[in-house]
Amino acid sequence: ELTLAIHRTFDSPRDVVLFDTGHQSYVHKIITGRADSFDGLRQ
């Protein structure tokens, strides 16, 4: 929900969204069009 709210409120990539740390960025990847690539996550 937190990632959805951020992307609904701000306009990435014009607005820059940074994650500390990056291990909590999977939902961000899904929202930014990479859901189809998750079969190859970390492969």
PDB file of all heavy atoms in Angstrom:
ATOM      1  N   GLU A   1       0.828  -1.215   0.000  1.00  0.00           N
ATOM      2  CA  GLU A   1       0.000   0.000   0.000  1.00  0.00           C
ATOM      3  C   GLU A   1       0.857   1.258   0.000  1.00  0.00           C
ATOM      4  O   GLU A   1       0.517   2.255  -0.660  1.00  0.00           O
ATOM      5  CB  GLU A   1      -0.934   0.005   1.216  1.00  0.00           C
ATOM      6  CG  GLU A   1      -2.028  -1.049   1.167  1.00  0.00           C
ATOM      7  CD  GLU A   1      -1.589  -2.397   1.709  1.00  0.00           C
ATOM      8  OE1 GLU A   1      -0.408  -2.516   2.108  1.00  0.00           O
ATOM      9  OE2 GLU A   1      -2.417  -3.324   1.737  1.00  0.00           O
ATOM     10  N   LEU A   2       1.962   1.213   0.733  1.00  0.00           N
ATOM     11  CA  LEU A   2       2.843   2.381   0.807  1.00  0.00           C
ATOM     12  C   LEU A   2       3.403   2.734  -0.568  1.00  0.00           C
ATOM     13  O   LEU A   2       3.425   3.905  -0.973  1.00  0.00           O
ATOM     14  CB  LEU A   2       3.987   2.103   1.788  1.00  0.00           C
ATOM     15  CG  LEU A   2       5.009   3.224   2.006  1.00  0.00           C
ATOM     16  CD1 LEU A   2       4.336   4.493   2.489  1.00  0.00           C
ATOM     17  CD2 LEU A   2       6.086   2.769   2.981  1.00  0.00           C
ATOM     18  N   THR A   3       3.829   1.735  -1.318  1.00  0.00           N
ATOM     19  CA  THR A   3       4.383   1.979  -2.650  1.00  0.00           C
ATOM     20  C   THR A   3       3.309   2.462  -3.615  1.00  0.00           C
ATOM     21  O   THR A   3       3.551   3.353  -4.437  1.00  0.00           O
ATOM     22  CB  THR A   3       5.054   0.701  -3.195  1.00  0.00           C
ATOM     23  OG1 THR A   3       5.963   0.181  -2.217  1.00  0.00           O
ATOM     24  CG2 THR A   3       5.815   0.994  -4.475  1.00  0.00           C
ATOM     25  N   LEU A   4       2.119   1.878  -3.522  1.00  0.00           N
ATOM     26  CA  LEU A   4       1.011   2.346  -4.364  1.00  0.00           C
ATOM     27  C   LEU A   4       0.700   3.811  -4.082  1.00  0.00           C
ATOM     28  O   LEU A   4       0.514   4.615  -5.006  1.00  0.00           O
ATOM     29  CB  LEU A   4      -0.232   1.489  -4.105  1.00  0.00           C
ATOM     30  CG  LEU A   4      -0.238   0.070  -4.683  1.00  0.00           C
ATOM     31  CD1 LEU A   4      -1.410  -0.732  -4.124  1.00  0.00           C
ATOM     32  CD2 LEU A   4      -0.290   0.093  -6.203  1.00  0.00           C
ATOM     33  N   ALA A   5       0.648   4.177  -2.802  1.00  0.00           N
ATOM     34  CA  ALA A   5       0.331   5.562  -2.433  1.00  0.00           C
ATOM     35  C   ALA A   5       1.384   6.537  -2.942  1.00  0.00           C
ATOM     36  O   ALA A   5       1.063   7.638  -3.413  1.00  0.00           O
ATOM     37  CB  ALA A   5       0.195   5.670  -0.914  1.00  0.00           C
ATOM     38  N   ILE A   6       2.642   6.132  -2.864  1.00  0.00           N
ATOM     39  CA  ILE A   6       3.728   7.007  -3.349  1.00  0.00           C
ATOM     40  C   ILE A   6       3.592   7.235  -4.851  1.00  0.00           C
ATOM     41  O   ILE A   6       3.674   8.370  -5.339  1.00  0.00           O
ATOM     42  CB  ILE A   6       5.103   6.395  -3.002  1.00  0.00           C
ATOM     43  CG1 ILE A   6       5.359   6.494  -1.493  1.00  0.00           C
ATOM     44  CG2 ILE A   6       6.225   7.096  -3.779  1.00  0.00           C
ATOM     45  CD1 ILE A   6       6.573   5.721  -1.025  1.00  0.00           C
ATOM     46  N   HIS A   7       3.368   6.170  -5.602  1.00  0.00           N
ATOM     47  CA  HIS A   7       3.281   6.313  -7.061  1.00  0.00           C
ATOM     48  C   HIS A   7       1.980   6.979  -7.506  1.00  0.00           C
ATOM     49  O   HIS A   7       1.922   7.542  -8.605  1.00  0.00           O
ATOM     50  CB  HIS A   7       3.444   4.944  -7.727  1.00  0.00           C
ATOM     51  CG  HIS A   7       4.876   4.539  -7.902  1.00  0.00           C
ATOM     52  ND1 HIS A   7       5.731   5.183  -8.778  1.00  0.00           N
ATOM     53  CD2 HIS A   7       5.615   3.569  -7.313  1.00  0.00           C
ATOM     54  CE1 HIS A   7       6.929   4.619  -8.720  1.00  0.00           C
ATOM     55  NE2 HIS A   7       6.887   3.641  -7.836  1.00  0.00           N
ATOM     56  N   ARG A   8       0.949   6.961  -6.685  1.00  0.00           N
ATOM     57  CA  ARG A   8      -0.276   7.688  -7.012  1.00  0.00           C
ATOM     58  C   ARG A   8      -0.137   9.184  -6.712  1.00  0.00           C
ATOM     59  O   ARG A   8      -0.774  10.017  -7.350  1.00  0.00           O
ATOM     60  CB  ARG A   8      -1.461   7.105  -6.228  1.00  0.00           C
ATOM     61  CG  ARG A   8      -2.024   5.833  -6.850  1.00  0.00           C
ATOM     62  CD  ARG A   8      -3.015   5.142  -5.924  1.00  0.00           C
ATOM     63  NE  ARG A   8      -4.138   5.995  -5.541  1.00  0.00           N
ATOM     64  CZ  ARG A   8      -5.254   6.160  -6.251  1.00  0.00           C
ATOM     65  NH1 ARG A   8      -5.390   5.527  -7.414  1.00  0.00           N
ATOM     66  NH2 ARG A   8      -6.235   6.928  -5.818  1.00  0.00           N
ATOM     67  N   THR A   9       0.724   9.503  -5.739  1.00  0.00           N
ATOM     68  CA  THR A   9       0.885  10.905  -5.329  1.00  0.00           C
ATOM     69  C   THR A   9       1.953  11.618  -6.137  1.00  0.00           C
ATOM     70  O   THR A   9       1.831  12.810  -6.435  1.00  0.00           O
ATOM     71  CB  THR A   9       1.237  10.969  -3.823  1.00  0.00           C
ATOM     72  OG1 THR A   9       0.270  10.243  -3.072  1.00  0.00           O
ATOM     73  CG2 THR A   9       1.285  12.419  -3.340  1.00  0.00           C
ATOM     74  N   PHE A  10       2.999  10.895  -6.495  1.00  0.00           N
ATOM     75  CA  PHE A  10       4.121  11.499  -7.221  1.00  0.00           C
ATOM     76  C   PHE A  10       4.181  10.950  -8.643  1.00  0.00           C
ATOM     77  O   PHE A  10       3.477   9.998  -8.986  1.00  0.00           O
ATOM     78  CB  PHE A  10       5.430  11.226  -6.473  1.00  0.00           C
ATOM     79  CG  PHE A  10       5.475  11.867  -5.111  1.00  0.00           C
ATOM     80  CD1 PHE A  10       5.023  11.183  -3.985  1.00  0.00           C
ATOM     81  CD2 PHE A  10       5.944  13.160  -4.951  1.00  0.00           C
ATOM     82  CE1 PHE A  10       5.048  11.766  -2.733  1.00  0.00           C
ATOM     83  CE2 PHE A  10       5.974  13.757  -3.706  1.00  0.00           C
ATOM     84  CZ  PHE A  10       5.517  13.068  -2.596  1.00  0.00           C
ATOM     85  N   ASP A  11       5.014  11.561  -9.467  1.00  0.00           N
ATOM     86  CA  ASP A  11       5.083  11.224 -10.888  1.00  0.00           C
ATOM     87  C   ASP A  11       6.480  10.736 -11.254  1.00  0.00           C
ATOM     88  O   ASP A  11       7.304  11.486 -11.766  1.00  0.00           O
ATOM     89  CB  ASP A  11       4.704  12.444 -11.743  1.00  0.00           C
ATOM     90  CG  ASP A  11       3.282  12.913 -11.489  1.00  0.00           C
ATOM     91  OD1 ASP A  11       2.369  12.073 -11.557  1.00  0.00           O
ATOM     92  OD2 ASP A  11       3.087  14.113 -11.204  1.00  0.00           O
ATOM     93  N   SER A  12       6.738   9.457 -10.958  1.00  0.00           N
ATOM     94  CA  SER A  12       8.018   8.854 -11.343  1.00  0.00           C
ATOM     95  C   SER A  12       7.995   8.590 -12.854  1.00  0.00           C
ATOM     96  O   SER A  12       6.959   8.218 -13.405  1.00  0.00           O
ATOM     97  CB  SER A  12       8.206   7.535 -10.588  1.00  0.00           C
ATOM     98  OG  SER A  12       9.383   6.881 -10.958  1.00  0.00           O
ATOM     99  N   PRO A  13       9.114   8.805 -13.564  1.00  0.00           N
ATOM    100  CA  PRO A  13      10.456   9.084 -13.069  1.00  0.00           C
ATOM    101  C   PRO A  13      10.795  10.575 -12.937  1.00  0.00           C
ATOM    102  O   PRO A  13      11.904  10.902 -12.510  1.00  0.00           O
ATOM    103  CB  PRO A  13      11.346   8.440 -14.135  1.00  0.00           C
ATOM    104  CG  PRO A  13      10.573   8.637 -15.398  1.00  0.00           C
ATOM    105  CD  PRO A  13       9.122   8.488 -15.015  1.00  0.00           C
ATOM    106  N   ARG A  14       9.872  11.455 -13.328  1.00  0.00           N
ATOM    107  CA  ARG A  14      10.184  12.884 -13.161  1.00  0.00           C
ATOM    108  C   ARG A  14      10.411  13.201 -11.689  1.00  0.00           C
ATOM    109  O   ARG A  14      11.336  13.917 -11.328  1.00  0.00           O
ATOM    110  CB  ARG A  14       9.079  13.758 -13.734  1.00  0.00           C
ATOM    111  CG  ARG A  14       9.393  15.243 -13.584  1.00  0.00           C
ATOM    112  CD  ARG A  14       8.692  16.109 -14.609  1.00  0.00           C
ATOM    113  NE  ARG A  14       9.130  17.495 -14.517  1.00  0.00           N
ATOM    114  CZ  ARG A  14      10.267  17.958 -15.023  1.00  0.00           C
ATOM    115  NH1 ARG A  14      11.071  17.139 -15.674  1.00  0.00           N
ATOM    116  NH2 ARG A  14      10.607  19.228 -14.888  1.00  0.00           N
ATOM    117  N   ASP A  15       9.555  12.673 -10.836  1.00  0.00           N
ATOM    118  CA  ASP A  15       9.823  12.698  -9.407  1.00  0.00           C
ATOM    119  C   ASP A  15      10.645  11.451  -9.093  1.00  0.00           C
ATOM    120  O   ASP A  15      10.305  10.345  -9.530  1.00  0.00           O
ATOM    121  CB  ASP A  15       8.520  12.679  -8.603  1.00  0.00           C
ATOM    122  CG  ASP A  15       7.710  13.955  -8.776  1.00  0.00           C
ATOM    123  OD1 ASP A  15       8.326  15.014  -9.007  1.00  0.00           O
ATOM    124  OD2 ASP A  15       6.479  13.891  -8.687  1.00  0.00           O
ATOM    125  N   VAL A  16      11.714  11.624  -8.362  1.00  0.00           N
ATOM    126  CA  VAL A  16      12.654  10.533  -8.111  1.00  0.00           C
ATOM    127  C   VAL A  16      12.272   9.798  -6.826  1.00  0.00           C
ATOM    128  O   VAL A  16      12.127  10.415  -5.767  1.00  0.00           O
ATOM    129  CB  VAL A  16      14.095  11.072  -8.008  1.00  0.00           C
ATOM    130  CG1 VAL A  16      15.062   9.948  -7.632  1.00  0.00           C
ATOM    131  CG2 VAL A  16      14.507  11.715  -9.322  1.00  0.00           C
ATOM    132  N   VAL A  17      12.105   8.482  -6.929  1.00  0.00           N
ATOM    133  CA  VAL A  17      11.781   7.652  -5.767  1.00  0.00           C
ATOM    134  C   VAL A  17      12.996   6.787  -5.450  1.00  0.00           C
ATOM    135  O   VAL A  17      13.462   6.011  -6.284  1.00  0.00           O
ATOM    136  CB  VAL A  17      10.548   6.769  -6.031  1.00  0.00           C
ATOM    137  CG1 VAL A  17      10.210   5.954  -4.783  1.00  0.00           C
ATOM    138  CG2 VAL A  17       9.352   7.620  -6.454  1.00  0.00           C
ATOM    139  N   LEU A  18      13.495   6.921  -4.224  1.00  0.00           N
ATOM    140  CA  LEU A  18      14.687   6.203  -3.779  1.00  0.00           C
ATOM    141  C   LEU A  18      14.323   5.252  -2.645  1.00  0.00           C
ATOM    142  O   LEU A  18      13.523   5.595  -1.774  1.00  0.00           O
ATOM    143  CB  LEU A  18      15.754   7.192  -3.283  1.00  0.00           C
ATOM    144  CG  LEU A  18      16.114   8.357  -4.207  1.00  0.00           C
ATOM    145  CD1 LEU A  18      17.032   9.337  -3.488  1.00  0.00           C
ATOM    146  CD2 LEU A  18      16.789   7.841  -5.475  1.00  0.00           C
ATOM    147  N   PHE A  19      14.938   4.070  -2.634  1.00  0.00           N
ATOM    148  CA  PHE A  19      14.648   3.078  -1.599  1.00  0.00           C
ATOM    149  C   PHE A  19      15.903   2.772  -0.786  1.00  0.00           C
ATOM    150  O   PHE A  19      16.969   2.524  -1.329  1.00  0.00           O
ATOM    151  CB  PHE A  19      14.138   1.777  -2.236  1.00  0.00           C
ATOM    152  CG  PHE A  19      12.765   1.896  -2.816  1.00  0.00           C
ATOM    153  CD1 PHE A  19      12.583   2.286  -4.133  1.00  0.00           C
ATOM    154  CD2 PHE A  19      11.648   1.640  -2.038  1.00  0.00           C
ATOM    155  CE1 PHE A  19      11.314   2.409  -4.675  1.00  0.00           C
ATOM    156  CE2 PHE A  19      10.371   1.753  -2.568  1.00  0.00           C
ATOM    157  CZ  PHE A  19      10.206   2.146  -3.892  1.00  0.00           C
ATOM    158  N   ASP A  20      15.740   2.789   0.533  1.00  0.00           N
ATOM    159  CA  ASP A  20      16.827   2.460   1.457  1.00  0.00           C
ATOM    160  C   ASP A  20      16.292   1.433   2.452  1.00  0.00           C
ATOM    161  O   ASP A  20      15.573   1.754   3.370  1.00  0.00           O
ATOM    162  CB  ASP A  20      17.268   3.726   2.193  1.00  0.00           C
ATOM    163  CG  ASP A  20      18.584   3.551   2.926  1.00  0.00           C
ATOM    164  OD1 ASP A  20      19.008   2.397   3.127  1.00  0.00           O
ATOM    165  OD2 ASP A  20      19.180   4.565   3.303  1.00  0.00           O
ATOM    166  N   THR A  21      16.625   0.154   2.229  1.00  0.00           N
ATOM    167  CA  THR A  21      17.477  -0.322   1.144  1.00  0.00           C
ATOM    168  C   THR A  21      16.621  -0.797  -0.025  1.00  0.00           C
ATOM    169  O   THR A  21      15.414  -0.858   0.088  1.00  0.00           O
ATOM    170  CB  THR A  21      18.362  -1.498   1.612  1.00  0.00           C
ATOM    171  OG1 THR A  21      17.535  -2.602   1.905  1.00  0.00           O
ATOM    172  CG2 THR A  21      19.181  -1.136   2.825  1.00  0.00           C
ATOM    173  N   GLY A  22      17.336  -1.177  -1.085  1.00  0.00           N
ATOM    174  CA  GLY A  22      16.641  -1.548  -2.302  1.00  0.00           C
ATOM    175  C   GLY A  22      15.906  -2.864  -2.255  1.00  0.00           C
ATOM    176  O   GLY A  22      15.162  -3.187  -3.173  1.00  0.00           O
ATOM    177  N   HIS A  23      16.090  -3.642  -1.181  1.00  0.00           N
ATOM    178  CA  HIS A  23      15.376  -4.927  -1.130  1.00  0.00           C
ATOM    179  C   HIS A  23      13.871  -4.746  -0.973  1.00  0.00           C
ATOM    180  O   HIS A  23      13.113  -5.695  -1.139  1.00  0.00           O
ATOM    181  CB  HIS A  23      15.924  -5.817  -0.016  1.00  0.00           C
ATOM    182  CG  HIS A  23      15.756  -5.284   1.366  1.00  0.00           C
ATOM    183  ND1 HIS A  23      16.823  -5.103   2.218  1.00  0.00           N
ATOM    184  CD2 HIS A  23      14.665  -4.902   2.054  1.00  0.00           C
ATOM    185  CE1 HIS A  23      16.375  -4.632   3.366  1.00  0.00           C
ATOM    186  NE2 HIS A  23      15.065  -4.502   3.292  1.00  0.00           N
ATOM    187  N   GLN A  24      13.404  -3.536  -0.673  1.00  0.00           N
ATOM    188  CA  GLN A  24      11.967  -3.291  -0.542  1.00  0.00           C
ATOM    189  C   GLN A  24      11.388  -2.643  -1.807  1.00  0.00           C
ATOM    190  O   GLN A  24      10.362  -1.976  -1.770  1.00  0.00           O
ATOM    191  CB  GLN A  24      11.677  -2.413   0.683  1.00  0.00           C
ATOM    192  CG  GLN A  24      12.374  -1.071   0.683  1.00  0.00           C
ATOM    193  CD  GLN A  24      12.127  -0.286   1.963  1.00  0.00           C
ATOM    194  OE1 GLN A  24      11.115  -0.465   2.630  1.00  0.00           O
ATOM    195  NE2 GLN A  24      13.062   0.595   2.302  1.00  0.00           N
ATOM    196  N   SER A  25      12.033  -2.889  -2.943  1.00  0.00           N
ATOM    197  CA  SER A  25      11.618  -2.232  -4.192  1.00  0.00           C
ATOM    198  C   SER A  25      10.867  -3.149  -5.154  1.00  0.00           C
ATOM    199  O   SER A  25      10.589  -2.759  -6.284  1.00  0.00           O
ATOM    200  CB  SER A  25      12.854  -1.667  -4.914  1.00  0.00           C
ATOM    201  OG  SER A  25      13.710  -2.720  -5.342  1.00  0.00           O
ATOM    202  N   TYR A  26      10.529  -4.368  -4.757  1.00  0.00           N
ATOM    203  CA  TYR A  26       9.849  -5.283  -5.678  1.00  0.00           C
ATOM    204  C   TYR A  26       8.504  -4.724  -6.139  1.00  0.00           C
ATOM    205  O   TYR A  26       8.142  -4.839  -7.317  1.00  0.00           O
ATOM    206  CB  TYR A  26       9.603  -6.643  -5.020  1.00  0.00           C
ATOM    207  CG  TYR A  26      10.828  -7.497  -4.763  1.00  0.00           C
ATOM    208  CD1 TYR A  26      12.123  -7.000  -4.921  1.00  0.00           C
ATOM    209  CD2 TYR A  26      10.692  -8.817  -4.341  1.00  0.00           C
ATOM    210  CE1 TYR A  26      13.220  -7.787  -4.665  1.00  0.00           C
ATOM    211  CE2 TYR A  26      11.791  -9.618  -4.089  1.00  0.00           C
ATOM    212  CZ  TYR A  26      13.052  -9.097  -4.242  1.00  0.00           C
ATOM    213  OH  TYR A  26      14.149  -9.887  -3.988  1.00  0.00           O
ATOM    214  N   VAL A  27       7.737  -4.137  -5.213  1.00  0.00           N
ATOM    215  CA  VAL A  27       6.431  -3.586  -5.580  1.00  0.00           C
ATOM    216  C   VAL A  27       6.624  -2.419  -6.538  1.00  0.00           C
ATOM    217  O   VAL A  27       5.872  -2.254  -7.512  1.00  0.00           O
ATOM    218  CB  VAL A  27       5.644  -3.150  -4.331  1.00  0.00           C
ATOM    219  CG1 VAL A  27       4.244  -2.672  -4.722  1.00  0.00           C
ATOM    220  CG2 VAL A  27       5.550  -4.294  -3.327  1.00  0.00           C
ATOM    221  N   HIS A  28       7.644  -1.624  -6.297  1.00  0.00           N
ATOM    222  CA  HIS A  28       8.008  -0.527  -7.198  1.00  0.00           C
ATOM    223  C   HIS A  28       8.301  -1.063  -8.599  1.00  0.00           C
ATOM    224  O   HIS A  28       7.882  -0.479  -9.608  1.00  0.00           O
ATOM    225  CB  HIS A  28       9.231   0.192  -6.615  1.00  0.00           C
ATOM    226  CG  HIS A  28       9.971   1.069  -7.571  1.00  0.00           C
ATOM    227  ND1 HIS A  28       9.551   2.335  -7.920  1.00  0.00           N
ATOM    228  CD2 HIS A  28      11.127   0.860  -8.252  1.00  0.00           C
ATOM    229  CE1 HIS A  28      10.415   2.867  -8.767  1.00  0.00           C
ATOM    230  NE2 HIS A  28      11.375   2.000  -8.988  1.00  0.00           N
ATOM    231  N   LYS A  29       8.988  -2.204  -8.678  1.00  0.00           N
ATOM    232  CA  LYS A  29       9.296  -2.795  -9.981  1.00  0.00           C
ATOM    233  C   LYS A  29       8.021  -3.257 -10.685  1.00  0.00           C
ATOM    234  O   LYS A  29       7.882  -3.099 -11.908  1.00  0.00           O
ATOM    235  CB  LYS A  29      10.261  -3.974  -9.810  1.00  0.00           C
ATOM    236  CG  LYS A  29      11.672  -3.552  -9.414  1.00  0.00           C
ATOM    237  CD  LYS A  29      12.620  -4.736  -9.363  1.00  0.00           C
ATOM    238  CE  LYS A  29      14.022  -4.280  -8.977  1.00  0.00           C
ATOM    239  NZ  LYS A  29      15.038  -4.615  -9.950  1.00  0.00           N
ATOM    240  N   ILE A  30       7.109  -3.816  -9.905  1.00  0.00           N
ATOM    241  CA  ILE A  30       5.839  -4.270 -10.489  1.00  0.00           C
ATOM    242  C   ILE A  30       5.068  -3.081 -11.058  1.00  0.00           C
ATOM    243  O   ILE A  30       4.582  -3.123 -12.200  1.00  0.00           O
ATOM    244  CB  ILE A  30       5.003  -5.005  -9.427  1.00  0.00           C
ATOM    245  CG1 ILE A  30       5.674  -6.333  -9.043  1.00  0.00           C
ATOM    246  CG2 ILE A  30       3.586  -5.259  -9.928  1.00  0.00           C
ATOM    247  CD1 ILE A  30       5.053  -7.012  -7.838  1.00  0.00           C
ATOM    248  N   ILE A  31       4.954  -2.025 -10.286  1.00  0.00           N
ATOM    249  CA  ILE A  31       4.177  -0.852 -10.701  1.00  0.00           C
ATOM    250  C   ILE A  31       4.810  -0.161 -11.907  1.00  0.00           C
ATOM    251  O   ILE A  31       4.112   0.435 -12.731  1.00  0.00           O
ATOM    252  CB  ILE A  31       4.047   0.133  -9.513  1.00  0.00           C
ATOM    253  CG1 ILE A  31       3.195  -0.502  -8.404  1.00  0.00           C
ATOM    254  CG2 ILE A  31       3.409   1.455  -9.955  1.00  0.00           C
ATOM    255  CD1 ILE A  31       3.185   0.296  -7.117  1.00  0.00           C
ATOM    256  N   THR A  32       6.123  -0.257 -12.030  1.00  0.00           N
ATOM    257  CA  THR A  32       6.809   0.403 -13.143  1.00  0.00           C
ATOM    258  C   THR A  32       7.001  -0.530 -14.336  1.00  0.00           C
ATOM    259  O   THR A  32       7.920  -0.349 -15.140  1.00  0.00           O
ATOM    260  CB  THR A  32       8.166   0.980 -12.688  1.00  0.00           C
ATOM    261  OG1 THR A  32       8.938  -0.056 -12.049  1.00  0.00           O
ATOM    262  CG2 THR A  32       7.960   2.119 -11.710  1.00  0.00           C
ATOM    263  N   GLY A  33       6.137  -1.546 -14.440  1.00  0.00           N
ATOM    264  CA  GLY A  33       6.055  -2.322 -15.669  1.00  0.00           C
ATOM    265  C   GLY A  33       6.937  -3.529 -15.802  1.00  0.00           C
ATOM    266  O   GLY A  33       7.168  -4.010 -16.913  1.00  0.00           O
ATOM    267  N   ARG A  34       7.405  -4.084 -14.680  1.00  0.00           N
ATOM    268  CA  ARG A  34       8.317  -5.219 -14.772  1.00  0.00           C
ATOM    269  C   ARG A  34       7.749  -6.515 -14.204  1.00  0.00           C
ATOM    270  O   ARG A  34       8.500  -7.461 -13.936  1.00  0.00           O
ATOM    271  CB  ARG A  34       9.646  -4.865 -14.080  1.00  0.00           C
ATOM    272  CG  ARG A  34      10.500  -3.920 -14.883  1.00  0.00           C
ATOM    273  CD  ARG A  34      11.676  -3.399 -14.091  1.00  0.00           C
ATOM    274  NE  ARG A  34      11.324  -2.203 -13.321  1.00  0.00           N
ATOM    275  CZ  ARG A  34      12.150  -1.564 -12.502  1.00  0.00           C
ATOM    276  NH1 ARG A  34      13.379  -1.999 -12.340  1.00  0.00           N
ATOM    277  NH2 ARG A  34      11.756  -0.470 -11.849  1.00  0.00           N
ATOM    278  N   ALA A  35       6.446  -6.565 -14.013  1.00  0.00           N
ATOM    279  CA  ALA A  35       5.833  -7.779 -13.458  1.00  0.00           C
ATOM    280  C   ALA A  35       6.115  -9.007 -14.325  1.00  0.00           C
ATOM    281  O   ALA A  35       6.333 -10.109 -13.808  1.00  0.00           O
ATOM    282  CB  ALA A  35       4.329  -7.578 -13.300  1.00  0.00           C
ATOM    283  N   ASP A  36       6.138  -8.822 -15.644  1.00  0.00           N
ATOM    284  CA  ASP A  36       6.365  -9.946 -16.555  1.00  0.00           C
ATOM    285  C   ASP A  36       7.760 -10.545 -16.420  1.00  0.00           C
ATOM    286  O   ASP A  36       8.014 -11.650 -16.913  1.00  0.00           O
ATOM    287  CB  ASP A  36       6.158  -9.502 -18.008  1.00  0.00           C
ATOM    288  CG  ASP A  36       4.705  -9.174 -18.314  1.00  0.00           C
ATOM    289  OD1 ASP A  36       3.833  -9.581 -17.518  1.00  0.00           O
ATOM    290  OD2 ASP A  36       4.447  -8.508 -19.332  1.00  0.00           O
ATOM    291  N   SER A  37       8.656  -9.826 -15.753  1.00  0.00           N
ATOM    292  CA  SER A  37      10.048 -10.275 -15.662  1.00  0.00           C
ATOM    293  C   SER A  37      10.367 -10.997 -14.357  1.00  0.00           C
ATOM    294  O   SER A  37      11.511 -11.397 -14.140  1.00  0.00           O
ATOM    295  CB  SER A  37      10.990  -9.067 -15.808  1.00  0.00           C
ATOM    296  OG  SER A  37      10.774  -8.401 -17.041  1.00  0.00           O
ATOM    297  N   PHE A  38       9.373 -11.166 -13.494  1.00  0.00           N
ATOM    298  CA  PHE A  38       9.653 -11.713 -12.169  1.00  0.00           C
ATOM    299  C   PHE A  38       9.983 -13.197 -12.165  1.00  0.00           C
ATOM    300  O   PHE A  38      10.522 -13.707 -11.175  1.00  0.00           O
ATOM    301  CB  PHE A  38       8.496 -11.411 -11.207  1.00  0.00           C
ATOM    302  CG  PHE A  38       8.727 -10.156 -10.401  1.00  0.00           C
ATOM    303  CD1 PHE A  38       8.598  -8.911 -10.990  1.00  0.00           C
ATOM    304  CD2 PHE A  38       9.107 -10.219  -9.073  1.00  0.00           C
ATOM    305  CE1 PHE A  38       8.816  -7.756 -10.267  1.00  0.00           C
ATOM    306  CE2 PHE A  38       9.341  -9.079  -8.338  1.00  0.00           C
ATOM    307  CZ  PHE A  38       9.193  -7.838  -8.936  1.00  0.00           C
ATOM    308  N   ASP A  39       9.702 -13.909 -13.243  1.00  0.00           N
ATOM    309  CA  ASP A  39      10.135 -15.304 -13.303  1.00  0.00           C
ATOM    310  C   ASP A  39      11.662 -15.386 -13.327  1.00  0.00           C
ATOM    311  O   ASP A  39      12.238 -16.408 -12.961  1.00  0.00           O
ATOM    312  CB  ASP A  39       9.563 -15.995 -14.539  1.00  0.00           C
ATOM    313  CG  ASP A  39       8.077 -16.298 -14.399  1.00  0.00           C
ATOM    314  OD1 ASP A  39       7.616 -16.487 -13.252  1.00  0.00           O
ATOM    315  OD2 ASP A  39       7.377 -16.330 -15.429  1.00  0.00           O
ATOM    316  N   GLY A  40      12.302 -14.309 -13.759  1.00  0.00           N
ATOM    317  CA  GLY A  40      13.764 -14.275 -13.814  1.00  0.00           C
ATOM    318  C   GLY A  40      14.380 -13.435 -12.713  1.00  0.00           C
ATOM    319  O   GLY A  40      15.536 -13.026 -12.823  1.00  0.00           O
ATOM    320  N   LEU A  41      13.635 -13.200 -11.622  1.00  0.00           N
ATOM    321  CA  LEU A  41      14.148 -12.396 -10.514  1.00  0.00           C
ATOM    322  C   LEU A  41      15.444 -12.989  -9.971  1.00  0.00           C
ATOM    323  O   LEU A  41      15.511 -14.160  -9.627  1.00  0.00           O
ATOM    324  CB  LEU A  41      13.101 -12.328  -9.397  1.00  0.00           C
ATOM    325  CG  LEU A  41      13.506 -11.598  -8.110  1.00  0.00           C
ATOM    326  CD1 LEU A  41      13.677 -10.105  -8.377  1.00  0.00           C
ATOM    327  CD2 LEU A  41      12.470 -11.828  -7.006  1.00  0.00           C
ATOM    328  N   ARG A  42      16.504 -12.181  -9.960  1.00  0.00           N
ATOM    329  CA  ARG A  42      17.814 -12.553  -9.419  1.00  0.00           C
ATOM    330  C   ARG A  42      18.463 -13.700 -10.188  1.00  0.00           C
ATOM    331  O   ARG A  42      19.400 -14.335  -9.707  1.00  0.00           O
ATOM    332  CB  ARG A  42      17.694 -12.926  -7.935  1.00  0.00           C
ATOM    333  CG  ARG A  42      17.131 -11.821  -7.085  1.00  0.00           C
ATOM    334  CD  ARG A  42      16.728 -12.272  -5.694  1.00  0.00           C
ATOM    335  NE  ARG A  42      17.871 -12.451  -4.833  1.00  0.00           N
ATOM    336  CZ  ARG A  42      18.195 -13.605  -4.257  1.00  0.00           C
ATOM    337  NH1 ARG A  42      17.482 -14.692  -4.500  1.00  0.00           N
ATOM    338  NH2 ARG A  42      19.224 -13.677  -3.450  1.00  0.00           N
ATOM    339  N   GLN A  43      17.956 -13.970 -11.414  1.00  0.00           N
ATOM    340  CA  GLN A  43      18.527 -15.022 -12.255  1.00  0.00           C
ATOM    341  C   GLN A  43      19.332 -14.381 -13.388  1.00  0.00           C
ATOM    342  O   GLN A  43      19.140 -13.214 -13.727  1.00  0.00           O
ATOM    343  CB  GLN A  43      17.410 -15.881 -12.860  1.00  0.00           C
ATOM    344  CG  GLN A  43      16.381 -16.382 -11.858  1.00  0.00           C
ATOM    345  CD  GLN A  43      16.972 -17.297 -10.815  1.00  0.00           C
ATOM    346  OE1 GLN A  43      17.677 -18.249 -11.142  1.00  0.00           O
ATOM    347  NE2 GLN A  43      16.677 -17.032  -9.540  1.00  0.00           N
TER     348      GLN A  43
END
